[in-house]
Amino acid sequence: MKADAVRGHLDGLLLAVLEQGPLHGYAIITAVQRRSGGALELRTGTIYPALNRLERLGLLSSSWQSAGERRRRCYELTDAGRATLAGERAAWDEFTAAIGSVLNPGARPGLAT
């Protein structure tokens, strides 16, 4: 899948994988890849700036956790992040319905062609 396909949807993807609980950066990348059936491969250079921005916006909080001798930063949704995720989902549903009605006009009952 083209890298451009993720543009504009990265925030929603990150918020969605963090909905189930805190994850560190690499686990976030792995969760997106697993949930997309391998179609989406995010790079660390893409997600860390986005995670930092989402944290500055108050949508995520983070804390340092030890993993053996290493420390890693774990991110989790805030209440504002959960509300934003709900809005992202609603916007996505509206967007995909509109695009779907153009690309597959006969697929939705009641729509004129």
PDB file of N, CA and C in Angstrom:
ATOM      1  N   MET A   1       0.846  -1.171   0.000  1.00  0.00           N
ATOM      2  CA  MET A   1       0.000   0.000   0.000  1.00  0.00           C
ATOM      3  C   MET A   1       0.892   1.235   0.000  1.00  0.00           C
ATOM      4  N   LYS A   2       0.478   2.250  -0.709  1.00  0.00           N
ATOM      5  CA  LYS A   2       1.260   3.475  -0.812  1.00  0.00           C
ATOM      6  C   LYS A   2       1.376   4.167   0.540  1.00  0.00           C
ATOM      7  N   ALA A   3       2.552   4.724   0.806  1.00  0.00           N
ATOM      8  CA  ALA A   3       2.763   5.450   2.060  1.00  0.00           C
ATOM      9  C   ALA A   3       1.825   6.645   2.156  1.00  0.00           C
ATOM     10  N   ASP A   4       1.483   7.243   1.020  1.00  0.00           N
ATOM     11  CA  ASP A   4       0.575   8.387   1.018  1.00  0.00           C
ATOM     12  C   ASP A   4      -0.816   8.021   1.523  1.00  0.00           C
ATOM     13  N   ALA A   5      -1.158   6.733   1.460  1.00  0.00           N
ATOM     14  CA  ALA A   5      -2.492   6.314   1.902  1.00  0.00           C
ATOM     15  C   ALA A   5      -2.691   6.573   3.392  1.00  0.00           C
ATOM     16  N   VAL A   6      -1.622   6.582   4.149  1.00  0.00           N
ATOM     17  CA  VAL A   6      -1.711   6.795   5.588  1.00  0.00           C
ATOM     18  C   VAL A   6      -1.821   8.281   5.920  1.00  0.00           C
ATOM     19  N   ARG A   7      -1.315   9.117   5.039  1.00  0.00           N
ATOM     20  CA  ARG A   7      -1.323  10.559   5.290  1.00  0.00           C
ATOM     21  C   ARG A   7      -2.735  11.035   5.600  1.00  0.00           C
ATOM     22  N   GLY A   8      -2.864  11.786   6.661  1.00  0.00           N
ATOM     23  CA  GLY A   8      -4.169  12.280   7.070  1.00  0.00           C
ATOM     24  C   GLY A   8      -4.910  11.332   8.002  1.00  0.00           C
ATOM     25  N   HIS A   9      -4.430  10.106   8.140  1.00  0.00           N
ATOM     26  CA  HIS A   9      -5.099   9.121   8.978  1.00  0.00           C
ATOM     27  C   HIS A   9      -4.199   8.596  10.082  1.00  0.00           C
ATOM     28  N   LEU A  10      -2.967   9.077  10.130  1.00  0.00           N
ATOM     29  CA  LEU A  10      -1.995   8.564  11.096  1.00  0.00           C
ATOM     30  C   LEU A  10      -2.475   8.754  12.533  1.00  0.00           C
ATOM     31  N   ASP A  11      -2.992   9.915  12.853  1.00  0.00           N
ATOM     32  CA  ASP A  11      -3.446  10.159  14.224  1.00  0.00           C
ATOM     33  C   ASP A  11      -4.493   9.138  14.631  1.00  0.00           C
ATOM     34  N   GLY A  12      -5.469   8.915  13.781  1.00  0.00           N
ATOM     35  CA  GLY A  12      -6.517   7.943  14.077  1.00  0.00           C
ATOM     36  C   GLY A  12      -5.970   6.542  14.260  1.00  0.00           C
ATOM     37  N   LEU A  13      -5.009   6.167  13.413  1.00  0.00           N
ATOM     38  CA  LEU A  13      -4.406   4.836  13.535  1.00  0.00           C
ATOM     39  C   LEU A  13      -3.691   4.678  14.869  1.00  0.00           C
ATOM     40  N   LEU A  14      -2.919   5.693  15.251  1.00  0.00           N
ATOM     41  CA  LEU A  14      -2.172   5.623  16.506  1.00  0.00           C
ATOM     42  C   LEU A  14      -3.121   5.595  17.703  1.00  0.00           C
ATOM     43  N   LEU A  15      -4.132   6.454  17.678  1.00  0.00           N
ATOM     44  CA  LEU A  15      -5.093   6.477  18.779  1.00  0.00           C
ATOM     45  C   LEU A  15      -5.830   5.143  18.884  1.00  0.00           C
ATOM     46  N   ALA A  16      -6.180   4.563  17.749  1.00  0.00           N
ATOM     47  CA  ALA A  16      -6.938   3.305  17.748  1.00  0.00           C
ATOM     48  C   ALA A  16      -6.145   2.156  18.354  1.00  0.00           C
ATOM     49  N   VAL A  17      -4.862   2.040  18.026  1.00  0.00           N
ATOM     50  CA  VAL A  17      -4.096   0.916  18.582  1.00  0.00           C
ATOM     51  C   VAL A  17      -3.805   1.118  20.063  1.00  0.00           C
ATOM     52  N   LEU A  18      -3.869   2.362  20.527  1.00  0.00           N
ATOM     53  CA  LEU A  18      -3.643   2.619  21.953  1.00  0.00           C
ATOM     54  C   LEU A  18      -4.926   2.523  22.773  1.00  0.00           C
ATOM     55  N   GLU A  19      -6.037   2.307  22.110  1.00  0.00           N
ATOM     56  CA  GLU A  19      -7.322   2.229  22.806  1.00  0.00           C
ATOM     57  C   GLU A  19      -7.359   1.066  23.798  1.00  0.00           C
ATOM     58  N   GLN A  20      -6.690  -0.015  23.488  1.00  0.00           N
ATOM     59  CA  GLN A  20      -6.743  -1.200  24.340  1.00  0.00           C
ATOM     60  C   GLN A  20      -5.773  -1.143  25.513  1.00  0.00           C
ATOM     61  N   GLY A  21      -4.900  -0.149  25.511  1.00  0.00           N
ATOM     62  CA  GLY A  21      -3.973  -0.015  26.627  1.00  0.00           C
ATOM     63  C   GLY A  21      -2.635   0.532  26.179  1.00  0.00           C
ATOM     64  N   PRO A  22      -1.772   0.842  27.145  1.00  0.00           N
ATOM     65  CA  PRO A  22      -0.473   1.467  26.839  1.00  0.00           C
ATOM     66  C   PRO A  22       0.429   0.556  26.008  1.00  0.00           C
ATOM     67  N   LEU A  23       1.171   1.173  25.108  1.00  0.00           N
ATOM     68  CA  LEU A  23       2.155   0.466  24.282  1.00  0.00           C
ATOM     69  C   LEU A  23       3.369   1.361  24.085  1.00  0.00           C
ATOM     70  N   HIS A  24       4.517   0.735  23.866  1.00  0.00           N
ATOM     71  CA  HIS A  24       5.714   1.491  23.492  1.00  0.00           C
ATOM     72  C   HIS A  24       5.770   1.587  21.972  1.00  0.00           C
ATOM     73  N   GLY A  25       6.655   2.420  21.470  1.00  0.00           N
ATOM     74  CA  GLY A  25       6.714   2.738  20.049  1.00  0.00           C
ATOM     75  C   GLY A  25       6.754   1.541  19.114  1.00  0.00           C
ATOM     76  N   TYR A  26       7.664   0.615  19.364  1.00  0.00           N
ATOM     77  CA  TYR A  26       7.778  -0.540  18.469  1.00  0.00           C
ATOM     78  C   TYR A  26       6.511  -1.385  18.514  1.00  0.00           C
ATOM     79  N   ALA A  27       5.892  -1.513  19.699  1.00  0.00           N
ATOM     80  CA  ALA A  27       4.646  -2.277  19.816  1.00  0.00           C
ATOM     81  C   ALA A  27       3.507  -1.588  19.056  1.00  0.00           C
ATOM     82  N   ILE A  28       3.539  -0.269  18.996  1.00  0.00           N
ATOM     83  CA  ILE A  28       2.535   0.474  18.222  1.00  0.00           C
ATOM     84  C   ILE A  28       2.695   0.157  16.739  1.00  0.00           C
ATOM     85  N   ILE A  29       3.933   0.200  16.262  1.00  0.00           N
ATOM     86  CA  ILE A  29       4.219  -0.126  14.861  1.00  0.00           C
ATOM     87  C   ILE A  29       3.740  -1.534  14.545  1.00  0.00           C
ATOM     88  N   THR A  30       4.051  -2.472  15.426  1.00  0.00           N
ATOM     89  CA  THR A  30       3.670  -3.872  15.232  1.00  0.00           C
ATOM     90  C   THR A  30       2.151  -4.033  15.238  1.00  0.00           C
ATOM     91  N   ALA A  31       1.465  -3.322  16.136  1.00  0.00           N
ATOM     92  CA  ALA A  31       0.005  -3.423  16.216  1.00  0.00           C
ATOM     93  C   ALA A  31      -0.662  -2.913  14.939  1.00  0.00           C
ATOM     94  N   VAL A  32      -0.169  -1.795  14.407  1.00  0.00           N
ATOM     95  CA  VAL A  32      -0.732  -1.267  13.159  1.00  0.00           C
ATOM     96  C   VAL A  32      -0.503  -2.266  12.022  1.00  0.00           C
ATOM     97  N   GLN A  33       0.691  -2.798  11.955  1.00  0.00           N
ATOM     98  CA  GLN A  33       1.008  -3.762  10.895  1.00  0.00           C
ATOM     99  C   GLN A  33       0.143  -5.023  11.028  1.00  0.00           C
ATOM    100  N   ARG A  34       0.005  -5.530  12.240  1.00  0.00           N
ATOM    101  CA  ARG A  34      -0.793  -6.737  12.464  1.00  0.00           C
ATOM    102  C   ARG A  34      -2.260  -6.495  12.141  1.00  0.00           C
ATOM    103  N   ARG A  35      -2.816  -5.391  12.637  1.00  0.00           N
ATOM    104  CA  ARG A  35      -4.230  -5.096  12.401  1.00  0.00           C
ATOM    105  C   ARG A  35      -4.542  -4.857  10.939  1.00  0.00           C
ATOM    106  N   SER A  36      -3.566  -4.357  10.188  1.00  0.00           N
ATOM    107  CA  SER A  36      -3.787  -4.087   8.762  1.00  0.00           C
ATOM    108  C   SER A  36      -3.441  -5.289   7.897  1.00  0.00           C
ATOM    109  N   GLY A  37      -3.136  -6.414   8.511  1.00  0.00           N
ATOM    110  CA  GLY A  37      -2.761  -7.600   7.746  1.00  0.00           C
ATOM    111  C   GLY A  37      -1.462  -7.404   6.993  1.00  0.00           C
ATOM    112  N   GLY A  38      -0.593  -6.536   7.514  1.00  0.00           N
ATOM    113  CA  GLY A  38       0.698  -6.287   6.888  1.00  0.00           C
ATOM    114  C   GLY A  38       0.676  -5.213   5.816  1.00  0.00           C
ATOM    115  N   ALA A  39      -0.488  -4.648   5.539  1.00  0.00           N
ATOM    116  CA  ALA A  39      -0.596  -3.639   4.476  1.00  0.00           C
ATOM    117  C   ALA A  39       0.023  -2.302   4.882  1.00  0.00           C
ATOM    118  N   LEU A  40       0.015  -1.993   6.179  1.00  0.00           N
ATOM    119  CA  LEU A  40       0.553  -0.719   6.654  1.00  0.00           C
ATOM    120  C   LEU A  40       1.823  -0.968   7.454  1.00  0.00           C
ATOM    121  N   GLU A  41       2.887  -0.355   7.012  1.00  0.00           N
ATOM    122  CA  GLU A  41       4.164  -0.450   7.717  1.00  0.00           C
ATOM    123  C   GLU A  41       4.626   0.957   8.058  1.00  0.00           C
ATOM    124  N   LEU A  42       4.512   1.306   9.329  1.00  0.00           N
ATOM    125  CA  LEU A  42       4.932   2.627   9.774  1.00  0.00           C
ATOM    126  C   LEU A  42       6.399   2.602  10.173  1.00  0.00           C
ATOM    127  N   ARG A  43       7.068   3.686   9.958  1.00  0.00           N
ATOM    128  CA  ARG A  43       8.477   3.827  10.316  1.00  0.00           C
ATOM    129  C   ARG A  43       8.593   4.595  11.622  1.00  0.00           C
ATOM    130  N   THR A  44       9.665   4.342  12.350  1.00  0.00           N
ATOM    131  CA  THR A  44       9.875   5.062  13.604  1.00  0.00           C
ATOM    132  C   THR A  44       9.975   6.561  13.364  1.00  0.00           C
ATOM    133  N   GLY A  45      10.559   6.955  12.243  1.00  0.00           N
ATOM    134  CA  GLY A  45      10.676   8.370  11.911  1.00  0.00           C
ATOM    135  C   GLY A  45       9.342   9.025  11.622  1.00  0.00           C
ATOM    136  N   THR A  46       8.325   8.210  11.437  1.00  0.00           N
ATOM    137  CA  THR A  46       6.974   8.717  11.213  1.00  0.00           C
ATOM    138  C   THR A  46       6.192   8.769  12.511  1.00  0.00           C
ATOM    139  N   ILE A  47       6.274   7.704  13.307  1.00  0.00           N
ATOM    140  CA  ILE A  47       5.386   7.654  14.468  1.00  0.00           C
ATOM    141  C   ILE A  47       5.859   8.483  15.653  1.00  0.00           C
ATOM    142  N   TYR A  48       7.165   8.544  15.904  1.00  0.00           N
ATOM    143  CA  TYR A  48       7.596   9.269  17.110  1.00  0.00           C
ATOM    144  C   TYR A  48       7.272  10.758  17.060  1.00  0.00           C
ATOM    145  N   PRO A  49       7.476  11.444  15.951  1.00  0.00           N
ATOM    146  CA  PRO A  49       7.026  12.844  15.912  1.00  0.00           C
ATOM    147  C   PRO A  49       5.511  12.963  16.110  1.00  0.00           C
ATOM    148  N   ALA A  50       4.758  12.026  15.545  1.00  0.00           N
ATOM    149  CA  ALA A  50       3.302  12.056  15.704  1.00  0.00           C
ATOM    150  C   ALA A  50       2.908  11.782  17.157  1.00  0.00           C
ATOM    151  N   LEU A  51       3.547  10.814  17.804  1.00  0.00           N
ATOM    152  CA  LEU A  51       3.261  10.530  19.204  1.00  0.00           C
ATOM    153  C   LEU A  51       3.570  11.736  20.084  1.00  0.00           C
ATOM    154  N   ASN A  52       4.705  12.372  19.823  1.00  0.00           N
ATOM    155  CA  ASN A  52       5.078  13.567  20.592  1.00  0.00           C
ATOM    156  C   ASN A  52       4.056  14.686  20.394  1.00  0.00           C
ATOM    157  N   ARG A  53       3.600  14.878  19.161  1.00  0.00           N
ATOM    158  CA  ARG A  53       2.604  15.912  18.864  1.00  0.00           C
ATOM    159  C   ARG A  53       1.281  15.599  19.559  1.00  0.00           C
ATOM    160  N   LEU A  54       0.851  14.345  19.508  1.00  0.00           N
ATOM    161  CA  LEU A  54      -0.395  13.950  20.157  1.00  0.00           C
ATOM    162  C   LEU A  54      -0.312  14.117  21.674  1.00  0.00           C
ATOM    163  N   GLU A  55       0.874  13.892  22.209  1.00  0.00           N
ATOM    164  CA  GLU A  55       1.053  14.102  23.647  1.00  0.00           C
ATOM    165  C   GLU A  55       0.987  15.593  23.986  1.00  0.00           C
ATOM    166  N   ARG A  56       1.622  16.425  23.171  1.00  0.00           N
ATOM    167  CA  ARG A  56       1.548  17.880  23.388  1.00  0.00           C
ATOM    168  C   ARG A  56       0.116  18.386  23.316  1.00  0.00           C
ATOM    169  N   LEU A  57      -0.698  17.769  22.470  1.00  0.00           N
ATOM    170  CA  LEU A  57      -2.104  18.148  22.328  1.00  0.00           C
ATOM    171  C   LEU A  57      -2.977  17.624  23.467  1.00  0.00           C
ATOM    172  N   GLY A  58      -2.401  16.789  24.320  1.00  0.00           N
ATOM    173  CA  GLY A  58      -3.146  16.240  25.445  1.00  0.00           C
ATOM    174  C   GLY A  58      -3.969  15.014  25.111  1.00  0.00           C
ATOM    175  N   LEU A  59      -3.716  14.418  23.947  1.00  0.00           N
ATOM    176  CA  LEU A  59      -4.475  13.234  23.534  1.00  0.00           C
ATOM    177  C   LEU A  59      -3.841  11.946  24.040  1.00  0.00           C
ATOM    178  N   LEU A  60      -2.562  12.013  24.372  1.00  0.00           N
ATOM    179  CA  LEU A  60      -1.811  10.886  24.921  1.00  0.00           C
ATOM    180  C   LEU A  60      -1.060  11.341  26.151  1.00  0.00           C
ATOM    181  N   SER A  61      -0.769  10.389  27.011  1.00  0.00           N
ATOM    182  CA  SER A  61       0.191  10.619  28.085  1.00  0.00           C
ATOM    183  C   SER A  61       1.258   9.545  27.924  1.00  0.00           C
ATOM    184  N   SER A  62       2.422   9.785  28.510  1.00  0.00           N
ATOM    185  CA  SER A  62       3.484   8.792  28.384  1.00  0.00           C
ATOM    186  C   SER A  62       4.239   8.673  29.696  1.00  0.00           C
ATOM    187  N   SER A  63       4.891   7.545  29.838  1.00  0.00           N
ATOM    188  CA  SER A  63       5.730   7.301  31.006  1.00  0.00           C
ATOM    189  C   SER A  63       6.853   6.370  30.598  1.00  0.00           C
ATOM    190  N   TRP A  64       7.946   6.455  31.330  1.00  0.00           N
ATOM    191  CA  TRP A  64       9.077   5.576  31.067  1.00  0.00           C
ATOM    192  C   TRP A  64       8.898   4.295  31.850  1.00  0.00           C
ATOM    193  N   GLN A  65       9.145   3.162  31.184  1.00  0.00           N
ATOM    194  CA  GLN A  65       9.074   1.868  31.845  1.00  0.00           C
ATOM    195  C   GLN A  65      10.351   1.102  31.555  1.00  0.00           C
ATOM    196  N   SER A  66      10.747   0.284  32.513  1.00  0.00           N
ATOM    197  CA  SER A  66      11.954  -0.527  32.341  1.00  0.00           C
ATOM    198  C   SER A  66      11.591  -1.849  31.706  1.00  0.00           C
ATOM    199  N   ALA A  67      12.434  -2.256  30.774  1.00  0.00           N
ATOM    200  CA  ALA A  67      12.312  -3.567  30.135  1.00  0.00           C
ATOM    201  C   ALA A  67      13.695  -4.202  30.207  1.00  0.00           C
ATOM    202  N   GLY A  68      13.932  -4.937  31.267  1.00  0.00           N
ATOM    203  CA  GLY A  68      15.287  -5.446  31.492  1.00  0.00           C
ATOM    204  C   GLY A  68      16.185  -4.283  31.864  1.00  0.00           C
ATOM    205  N   GLU A  69      17.276  -4.142  31.155  1.00  0.00           N
ATOM    206  CA  GLU A  69      18.191  -3.037  31.410  1.00  0.00           C
ATOM    207  C   GLU A  69      17.868  -1.813  30.564  1.00  0.00           C
ATOM    208  N   ARG A  70      16.890  -1.953  29.684  1.00  0.00           N
ATOM    209  CA  ARG A  70      16.510  -0.841  28.810  1.00  0.00           C
ATOM    210  C   ARG A  70      15.269  -0.149  29.346  1.00  0.00           C
ATOM    211  N   ARG A  71      15.154   1.113  28.994  1.00  0.00           N
ATOM    212  CA  ARG A  71      13.943   1.872  29.317  1.00  0.00           C
ATOM    213  C   ARG A  71      13.248   2.219  28.013  1.00  0.00           C
ATOM    214  N   ARG A  72      11.940   2.187  28.054  1.00  0.00           N
ATOM    215  CA  ARG A  72      11.184   2.571  26.868  1.00  0.00           C
ATOM    216  C   ARG A  72       9.991   3.411  27.296  1.00  0.00           C
ATOM    217  N   ARG A  73       9.631   4.301  26.399  1.00  0.00           N
ATOM    218  CA  ARG A  73       8.523   5.206  26.670  1.00  0.00           C
ATOM    219  C   ARG A  73       7.227   4.536  26.214  1.00  0.00           C
ATOM    220  N   CYS A  74       6.255   4.469  27.116  1.00  0.00           N
ATOM    221  CA  CYS A  74       4.953   3.886  26.795  1.00  0.00           C
ATOM    222  C   CYS A  74       3.921   5.006  26.727  1.00  0.00           C
ATOM    223  N   TYR A  75       3.032   4.876  25.782  1.00  0.00           N
ATOM    224  CA  TYR A  75       2.009   5.883  25.518  1.00  0.00           C
ATOM    225  C   TYR A  75       0.639   5.293  25.799  1.00  0.00           C
ATOM    226  N   GLU A  76      -0.259   6.148  26.294  1.00  0.00           N
ATOM    227  CA  GLU A  76      -1.647   5.711  26.480  1.00  0.00           C
ATOM    228  C   GLU A  76      -2.599   6.863  26.230  1.00  0.00           C
ATOM    229  N   LEU A  77      -3.829   6.498  25.885  1.00  0.00           N
ATOM    230  CA  LEU A  77      -4.853   7.502  25.588  1.00  0.00           C
ATOM    231  C   LEU A  77      -5.273   8.242  26.847  1.00  0.00           C
ATOM    232  N   THR A  78      -5.542   9.512  26.690  1.00  0.00           N
ATOM    233  CA  THR A  78      -6.195  10.301  27.726  1.00  0.00           C
ATOM    234  C   THR A  78      -7.690  10.326  27.401  1.00  0.00           C
ATOM    235  N   ASP A  79      -8.479  10.918  28.283  1.00  0.00           N
ATOM    236  CA  ASP A  79      -9.911  11.053  27.988  1.00  0.00           C
ATOM    237  C   ASP A  79     -10.116  11.878  26.717  1.00  0.00           C
ATOM    238  N   ALA A  80      -9.300  12.926  26.550  1.00  0.00           N
ATOM    239  CA  ALA A  80      -9.389  13.743  25.326  1.00  0.00           C
ATOM    240  C   ALA A  80      -9.016  12.906  24.105  1.00  0.00           C
ATOM    241  N   GLY A  81      -8.071  12.001  24.259  1.00  0.00           N
ATOM    242  CA  GLY A  81      -7.685  11.117  23.161  1.00  0.00           C
ATOM    243  C   GLY A  81      -8.807  10.172  22.771  1.00  0.00           C
ATOM    244  N   ARG A  82      -9.529   9.679  23.766  1.00  0.00           N
ATOM    245  CA  ARG A  82     -10.677   8.794  23.486  1.00  0.00           C
ATOM    246  C   ARG A  82     -11.772   9.549  22.738  1.00  0.00           C
ATOM    247  N   ALA A  83     -12.018  10.775  23.153  1.00  0.00           N
ATOM    248  CA  ALA A  83     -13.027  11.593  22.470  1.00  0.00           C
ATOM    249  C   ALA A  83     -12.598  11.897  21.040  1.00  0.00           C
ATOM    250  N   THR A  84     -11.317  12.188  20.853  1.00  0.00           N
ATOM    251  CA  THR A  84     -10.800  12.463  19.510  1.00  0.00           C
ATOM    252  C   THR A  84     -10.894  11.227  18.634  1.00  0.00           C
ATOM    253  N   LEU A  85     -10.599  10.061  19.206  1.00  0.00           N
ATOM    254  CA  LEU A  85     -10.704   8.810  18.452  1.00  0.00           C
ATOM    255  C   LEU A  85     -12.142   8.586  17.997  1.00  0.00           C
ATOM    256  N   ALA A  86     -13.104   8.861  18.844  1.00  0.00           N
ATOM    257  CA  ALA A  86     -14.514   8.715  18.451  1.00  0.00           C
ATOM    258  C   ALA A  86     -14.831   9.632  17.271  1.00  0.00           C
ATOM    259  N   GLY A  87     -14.308  10.851  17.300  1.00  0.00           N
ATOM    260  CA  GLY A  87     -14.504  11.779  16.189  1.00  0.00           C
ATOM    261  C   GLY A  87     -13.819  11.308  14.923  1.00  0.00           C
ATOM    262  N   GLU A  88     -12.608  10.753  15.064  1.00  0.00           N
ATOM    263  CA  GLU A  88     -11.881  10.212  13.906  1.00  0.00           C
ATOM    264  C   GLU A  88     -12.656   9.073  13.266  1.00  0.00           C
ATOM    265  N   ARG A  89     -13.241   8.215  14.093  1.00  0.00           N
ATOM    266  CA  ARG A  89     -14.024   7.090  13.565  1.00  0.00           C
ATOM    267  C   ARG A  89     -15.263   7.583  12.820  1.00  0.00           C
ATOM    268  N   ALA A  90     -15.941   8.550  13.386  1.00  0.00           N
ATOM    269  CA  ALA A  90     -17.140   9.094  12.732  1.00  0.00           C
ATOM    270  C   ALA A  90     -16.771   9.742  11.399  1.00  0.00           C
ATOM    271  N   ALA A  91     -15.677  10.500  11.385  1.00  0.00           N
ATOM    272  CA  ALA A  91     -15.226  11.145  10.149  1.00  0.00           C
ATOM    273  C   ALA A  91     -14.827  10.093   9.114  1.00  0.00           C
ATOM    274  N   TRP A  92     -14.174   9.024   9.551  1.00  0.00           N
ATOM    275  CA  TRP A  92     -13.773   7.952   8.640  1.00  0.00           C
ATOM    276  C   TRP A  92     -14.999   7.279   8.034  1.00  0.00           C
ATOM    277  N   ASP A  93     -15.999   6.981   8.861  1.00  0.00           N
ATOM    278  CA  ASP A  93     -17.223   6.352   8.354  1.00  0.00           C
ATOM    279  C   ASP A  93     -17.896   7.227   7.308  1.00  0.00           C
ATOM    280  N   GLU A  94     -17.958   8.521   7.574  1.00  0.00           N
ATOM    281  CA  GLU A  94     -18.567   9.457   6.633  1.00  0.00           C
ATOM    282  C   GLU A  94     -17.761   9.518   5.331  1.00  0.00           C
ATOM    283  N   PHE A  95     -16.451   9.582   5.457  1.00  0.00           N
ATOM    284  CA  PHE A  95     -15.568   9.651   4.292  1.00  0.00           C
ATOM    285  C   PHE A  95     -15.684   8.399   3.427  1.00  0.00           C
ATOM    286  N   THR A  96     -15.593   7.231   4.064  1.00  0.00           N
ATOM    287  CA  THR A  96     -15.641   5.987   3.280  1.00  0.00           C
ATOM    288  C   THR A  96     -17.013   5.787   2.646  1.00  0.00           C
ATOM    289  N   ALA A  97     -18.081   6.223   3.311  1.00  0.00           N
ATOM    290  CA  ALA A  97     -19.417   6.120   2.715  1.00  0.00           C
ATOM    291  C   ALA A  97     -19.519   7.006   1.478  1.00  0.00           C
ATOM    292  N   ALA A  98     -18.978   8.210   1.564  1.00  0.00           N
ATOM    293  CA  ALA A  98     -19.037   9.129   0.421  1.00  0.00           C
ATOM    294  C   ALA A  98     -18.212   8.605  -0.750  1.00  0.00           C
ATOM    295  N   ILE A  99     -17.001   8.158  -0.489  1.00  0.00           N
ATOM    296  CA  ILE A  99     -16.146   7.622  -1.557  1.00  0.00           C
ATOM    297  C   ILE A  99     -16.763   6.348  -2.124  1.00  0.00           C
ATOM    298  N   GLY A 100     -17.267   5.491  -1.242  1.00  0.00           N
ATOM    299  CA  GLY A 100     -17.895   4.251  -1.696  1.00  0.00           C
ATOM    300  C   GLY A 100     -19.094   4.489  -2.583  1.00  0.00           C
ATOM    301  N   SER A 101     -19.868   5.533  -2.290  1.00  0.00           N
ATOM    302  CA  SER A 101     -21.045   5.804  -3.106  1.00  0.00           C
ATOM    303  C   SER A 101     -20.668   6.296  -4.501  1.00  0.00           C
ATOM    304  N   VAL A 102     -19.467   6.837  -4.649  1.00  0.00           N
ATOM    305  CA  VAL A 102     -18.991   7.267  -5.969  1.00  0.00           C
ATOM    306  C   VAL A 102     -18.349   6.093  -6.703  1.00  0.00           C
ATOM    307  N   LEU A 103     -17.477   5.357  -6.014  1.00  0.00           N
ATOM    308  CA  LEU A 103     -16.765   4.250  -6.667  1.00  0.00           C
ATOM    309  C   LEU A 103     -17.654   3.046  -6.942  1.00  0.00           C
ATOM    310  N   ASN A 104     -18.605   2.779  -6.073  1.00  0.00           N
ATOM    311  CA  ASN A 104     -19.497   1.626  -6.215  1.00  0.00           C
ATOM    312  C   ASN A 104     -20.944   2.083  -6.070  1.00  0.00           C
ATOM    313  N   PRO A 105     -21.450   2.838  -7.043  1.00  0.00           N
ATOM    314  CA  PRO A 105     -22.774   3.440  -6.884  1.00  0.00           C
ATOM    315  C   PRO A 105     -23.911   2.439  -6.714  1.00  0.00           C
ATOM    316  N   GLY A 106     -23.784   1.263  -7.247  1.00  0.00           N
ATOM    317  CA  GLY A 106     -24.857   0.279  -7.136  1.00  0.00           C
ATOM    318  C   GLY A 106     -24.785  -0.545  -5.870  1.00  0.00           C
ATOM    319  N   ALA A 107     -23.722  -0.400  -5.108  1.00  0.00           N
ATOM    320  CA  ALA A 107     -23.528  -1.243  -3.935  1.00  0.00           C
ATOM    321  C   ALA A 107     -24.383  -0.831  -2.754  1.00  0.00           C
ATOM    322  N   ARG A 108     -24.832   0.407  -2.722  1.00  0.00           N
ATOM    323  CA  ARG A 108     -25.628   0.885  -1.585  1.00  0.00           C
ATOM    324  C   ARG A 108     -27.064   1.094  -2.024  1.00  0.00           C
ATOM    325  N   PRO A 109     -27.989   0.397  -1.407  1.00  0.00           N
ATOM    326  CA  PRO A 109     -29.396   0.523  -1.795  1.00  0.00           C
ATOM    327  C   PRO A 109     -29.894   1.956  -1.575  1.00  0.00           C
ATOM    328  N   GLY A 110     -30.757   2.399  -2.485  1.00  0.00           N
ATOM    329  CA  GLY A 110     -31.376   3.706  -2.342  1.00  0.00           C
ATOM    330  C   GLY A 110     -30.590   4.859  -2.920  1.00  0.00           C
ATOM    331  N   LEU A 111     -29.402   4.605  -3.443  1.00  0.00           N
ATOM    332  CA  LEU A 111     -28.612   5.675  -4.031  1.00  0.00           C
ATOM    333  C   LEU A 111     -28.808   5.692  -5.545  1.00  0.00           C
ATOM    334  N   ALA A 112     -28.965   6.868  -6.074  1.00  0.00           N
ATOM    335  CA  ALA A 112     -29.123   7.025  -7.527  1.00  0.00           C
ATOM    336  C   ALA A 112     -27.761   6.935  -8.183  1.00  0.00           C
ATOM    337  N   THR A 113     -27.710   6.466  -9.406  1.00  0.00           N
ATOM    338  CA  THR A 113     -26.449   6.374 -10.147  1.00  0.00           C
ATOM    339  C   THR A 113     -26.271   7.549 -11.067  1.00  0.00           C
TER     340      THR A 113
END
